[in-house]
Structure formats: C-alpha cells, structure tokens
C-alpha cells in the first residue's frame, strides 16, 4: 500500500517525535543504512540524500521556526544524511544552519556546503569569510560558485583555498537547462570537484550530455530542483502510486521522484529542501532500499507522463 508524505509519521502515531521513538521507520526499507556514493576526486563516501536550505531555512530568529528546523536537521542526521547546502543568497539560512548545527552532538560529521555569489576577488573573499562565520566553520567542506557569477575570478581563489585546506572541495552551480552547456565547458577546462544543477524525472535535459561529462571528468554531482519547485507534487495530487513501486521500496511520491534521480549512477547526492520533519524523513528514506535500473527508470517516467 503506498503512503503519502503526510502519512509516514501518522502510521506510527508518533508525529513530531524524534527517530529514536519511531524505529519502525526502518521497516520502510530493506537496508539498514543509507546508500552512499564516492566523491570521484577523493573517493570519500557521501550519503546520496542531503538537504537544501533555499527558502526553508530563511527564518531569522523565530524561536518556533528554529525549533522545527532543529528537528529537521536531527532527523536528517539520524537517518544518515550529511550534506546540507546553503548560500549567502538564501537570506538568514547560513546563520540558521550554523546556529542549529552547533547544537548537534555530532555537528562535525555533517558535510557543509555553501556558495560565493558576488563579483570581484576581494568581494568574493569577504563574502566567503562571512559564510564561514555564519555557519560557524573553520573549514568548509564544499564552496561553490553560485550560478557561475564571476566564476573565472573565484576559481583562482578556491584553488588556493583548497591547497591551504581552508576548503575541502570546490564546485559550480546553476539551476536552469540553458546553463548546462556552459557548465560542461567549465568542467572540461577546470575539473571542479563538484557541480550542482537541476534534474528531475520530467526535466531530463542533463541526460543529454551534462551527466556524462561529469562522469568522464570525475566530477561529483549534486542535484537541485528534484521536485521541479513542487510542480511534480501538483501533477500527482490525488493519484495513486503504481503497484510495481514496491519493487523499488517506494512508499510515497516524494520517494518515487527522488529514486528516479538517485538511480542515475552519475548522481552523487540530491538535496531536496524542506522545513518539515516528516518530509525530511520521507526524503531520507529514498536513500534506502532498491533503486530502478535503466528500464525501470523509463517505466517510472512513462507512468508519470501518463497521469
């Protein structure tokens, strides 16, 4: 029987409690740990589902909102997620991540990613140092050039910072199909550790050549916009999952969309954003259990198009 995102916690009758109180969530998968993929440039394993913070963590000092986001982070971590992605573009999100992660016992086990989003060498350095302070990090796991803004300038700084071990990895980001060809050219030229871009079950432009380019150049891939800004959920509202979804341990539409993405071998991690604890649990569970093969992927896409 398929379950909606809202129903996952209701099944246990323990909505709002932490994972320790609902170990039955592990029954949603055949595996007991989240799948991981290696970062090509280092071989370091990374859990395949993380957390984006655009809009969802821009909550300032609201005590109630911070309490909920604290649980989101805790649930993510307890279910094996590590990557948390932010940006100075995202309002107070970096500061919120820094404040809330500092309260976690294992805060240093997270994989912190943010971005530089300005023009000019010194402006970039100043902005990145500000991000370090807001996120309360002495070393950043991943620093990315947001939407390719002045990328030629920032690449030089990021290479220097990586050599100095101020950052562990560097990368590039964008969120629209029209930027994919430019990303490919830069990947071939500069060999970044990571690239982040848009890709989903109904937005498959990256399959034309970008994903292959990442594989050929040993560049890790982070996927944003996995739900097409929520349009995928609107498309399936009131619709039932196909019976064969159980073959891939899919219990919700969110897992259906994510498992399609995660089944592509070039994808290192997807970062769906959410401000709701039950949604982050649902998202994390997409990293468990079976994934479709190539024929299964096409079956999933065809079924969705038929609705």
Foldseek 3Di string as FASTA:
>chain_A
DFDALVCLVVVVVDPPDACVVPVVLCVLFPDDAFDWDALQVPRDTAGAAEAEPAVQQQPPPPPVLLVLQLRQVRNCVVRHHAEYEEEVVRHLNLLSQQVSLVPDPPSVRHQYEYEFEDDDQVSSVVRVVVSCVSNVHQAHAEYEHEQCHNVVNVLVVVVVCCVVRSYVFYYYEDEDLVCQVVRLVCCVVPVGSEYEYEDWLPRHSCVVPSLVSCVVSSHEYEHECLCVVVVLVVLQVVHDDDPCVVVFSHRYVLLLTVLLVSQPSSHRYYHYYDSHNSNSSNRSCSSHHHGDDPVVSVVSSVVSVVD
